[in-house]
Amino acid sequence: MGRGALAPASDRLPPCADPSERAASGGHTRRVACGDPDGPALRGPARVLFGLGIDPNTADAAALEALPGVGPARAEAIVAGRADGAYRSLADLGRIHGFGPVTLRRAAPWLAFASAAREADSLVGDRERSREEP
């Protein structure tokens, strides 16, 4: 199949600026609104459709299955692996059985590690505040 074989250029939707959740079921976004930067964040596989990435620290197994090379067993292994600590980077997913360099490379563009970064920032902020206290 060539480029555009699935959807001719005239049938493509325009880009969606600031996608937000309009309706959800089962913890996943089902309807999306564009242009609402203050709206609720997209959840589940809808994040991949809008180029936002899936956070392996917060996504459920069904959402993780949207990643290339990740089926039900690997998705459940990612969820279970959170017990060993947060995934702070792509390299941390390498501790999951079956996640080798090829799978990591294929999944990389679709992942986001936002919750681990916020958690790390929070810990640094707590440490700095405790130093400032007399």
Protein backbone atom coordinates (compact mmCIF):
# COMPACT_ATOMS: atom_id res chain seq x y z
CA MET A 1 0.00 0.00 0.00
CA GLY A 2 1.27 3.40 -0.87
CA ARG A 3 1.08 6.60 1.07
CA GLY A 4 -2.48 7.81 1.45
CA ALA A 5 -3.92 4.48 0.30
CA LEU A 6 -6.20 4.25 3.32
CA ALA A 7 -7.46 7.82 3.25
CA PRO A 8 -7.17 10.12 0.26
CA ALA A 9 -5.79 13.56 1.10
CA SER A 10 -9.23 15.13 0.68
CA ASP A 11 -10.68 12.76 3.32
CA ARG A 12 -8.09 13.47 6.02
CA LEU A 13 -9.08 15.43 9.08
CA PRO A 14 -7.26 18.68 9.86
CA PRO A 15 -4.83 18.57 12.80
CA CYS A 16 -6.41 18.81 16.23
CA ALA A 17 -4.90 21.52 18.42
CA ASP A 18 -5.20 20.90 22.16
CA PRO A 19 -7.21 17.65 22.11
CA SER A 20 -9.25 17.01 25.24
CA GLU A 21 -11.60 14.32 26.43
CA ARG A 22 -15.27 14.89 25.78
CA ALA A 23 -16.62 11.44 26.71
CA ALA A 24 -15.09 8.28 28.15
CA SER A 25 -16.03 4.74 29.06
CA GLY A 26 -13.99 2.07 30.75
CA GLY A 27 -11.31 4.62 31.61
CA HIS A 28 -10.57 5.36 27.95
CA THR A 29 -11.40 8.42 25.88
CA ARG A 30 -14.22 7.76 23.42
CA ARG A 31 -14.95 11.30 22.13
CA VAL A 32 -12.48 14.14 21.65
CA ALA A 33 -12.84 17.90 21.42
CA CYS A 34 -10.20 20.07 19.75
CA GLY A 35 -9.08 23.51 20.86
CA ASP A 36 -9.70 23.19 24.61
CA PRO A 37 -6.33 23.44 26.39
CA ASP A 38 -8.01 23.35 29.82
CA GLY A 39 -10.15 20.28 29.09
CA PRO A 40 -9.52 16.84 30.61
CA ALA A 41 -6.51 14.94 29.25
CA LEU A 42 -7.01 12.12 26.78
CA ARG A 43 -6.77 8.62 28.27
CA GLY A 44 -5.94 5.23 26.81
CA PRO A 45 -5.14 4.49 23.17
CA ALA A 46 -6.62 7.83 22.04
CA ARG A 47 -3.37 9.41 23.21
CA VAL A 48 -1.47 7.55 20.48
CA LEU A 49 -3.90 8.75 17.81
CA PHE A 50 -3.14 12.36 18.73
CA GLY A 51 0.62 11.89 19.11
CA LEU A 52 0.64 12.41 22.88
CA GLY A 53 2.23 9.14 23.95
CA ILE A 54 1.20 6.63 26.58
CA ASP A 55 2.69 6.79 30.07
CA PRO A 56 3.64 3.26 31.17
CA ASN A 57 3.35 4.39 34.80
CA THR A 58 -0.35 5.21 34.60
CA ALA A 59 -1.81 3.42 31.56
CA ASP A 60 -3.84 0.27 31.99
CA ALA A 61 -2.95 -2.94 30.14
CA ALA A 62 -5.54 -2.33 27.41
CA ALA A 63 -4.00 1.06 26.57
CA LEU A 64 -0.47 -0.38 26.57
CA GLU A 65 -1.53 -2.91 23.94
CA ALA A 66 -1.78 0.01 21.49
CA LEU A 67 2.04 0.15 21.50
CA PRO A 68 3.82 -1.66 18.65
CA GLY A 69 5.13 -5.05 19.75
CA VAL A 70 3.08 -5.08 22.94
CA GLY A 71 0.40 -7.71 23.31
CA PRO A 72 -1.63 -8.75 26.35
CA ALA A 73 1.24 -10.57 28.12
CA ARG A 74 3.75 -7.73 27.74
CA ALA A 75 1.14 -5.15 28.70
CA GLU A 76 0.37 -7.04 31.91
CA ALA A 77 4.12 -7.39 32.58
CA ILE A 78 4.53 -3.60 32.29
CA VAL A 79 1.69 -3.02 34.75
CA ALA A 80 3.11 -5.62 37.18
CA GLY A 81 6.60 -4.14 36.79
CA ARG A 82 5.47 -0.88 38.41
CA ALA A 83 5.84 -2.68 41.75
CA ASP A 84 9.62 -2.56 41.17
CA GLY A 85 9.57 1.22 40.78
CA ALA A 86 8.45 3.86 38.31
CA TYR A 87 9.54 3.81 34.70
CA ARG A 88 11.56 7.01 34.42
CA SER A 89 12.92 6.40 30.92
CA LEU A 90 12.79 4.04 27.98
CA ALA A 91 15.74 2.08 29.41
CA ASP A 92 13.67 1.21 32.50
CA LEU A 93 11.25 -0.76 30.32
CA GLY A 94 14.18 -3.00 29.44
CA ARG A 95 13.74 -4.72 32.81
CA ILE A 96 10.50 -6.27 31.50
CA HIS A 97 10.98 -9.78 30.11
CA GLY A 98 10.58 -9.70 26.33
CA PHE A 99 11.42 -6.01 25.97
CA GLY A 100 14.63 -6.06 23.96
CA PRO A 101 16.24 -3.32 21.89
CA VAL A 102 13.92 -3.86 18.90
CA THR A 103 10.71 -3.61 20.93
CA LEU A 104 12.04 -0.59 22.82
CA ARG A 105 12.97 1.16 19.57
CA ARG A 106 9.55 0.44 18.03
CA ALA A 107 7.61 1.62 21.10
CA ALA A 108 9.75 4.70 21.85
CA PRO A 109 7.83 7.24 19.70
CA TRP A 110 4.56 6.28 21.38
CA LEU A 111 5.70 6.56 25.01
CA ALA A 112 5.65 9.46 27.45
CA PHE A 113 7.13 9.37 30.94
CA ALA A 114 5.36 12.42 32.37
CA SER A 115 4.22 10.95 35.69
CA ALA A 116 7.73 9.76 36.61
CA ALA A 117 9.13 13.19 35.81
CA ARG A 118 6.50 14.89 37.99
CA GLU A 119 7.20 12.43 40.80
CA ALA A 120 10.95 13.13 40.59
CA ASP A 121 10.32 16.91 40.55
CA SER A 122 8.09 16.55 43.59
CA LEU A 123 10.78 14.66 45.51
CA VAL A 124 13.42 17.28 44.62
CA GLY A 125 11.04 20.06 45.70
CA ASP A 126 10.37 18.31 49.03
CA ARG A 127 14.11 17.96 49.68
CA GLU A 128 14.76 21.62 48.85
CA ARG A 129 11.94 22.79 51.15
CA SER A 130 13.26 20.64 54.01
CA ARG A 131 16.72 22.25 53.62
CA GLU A 132 15.17 25.73 53.81
CA GLU A 133 13.34 25.02 57.07
CA PRO A 134 15.22 26.11 60.22
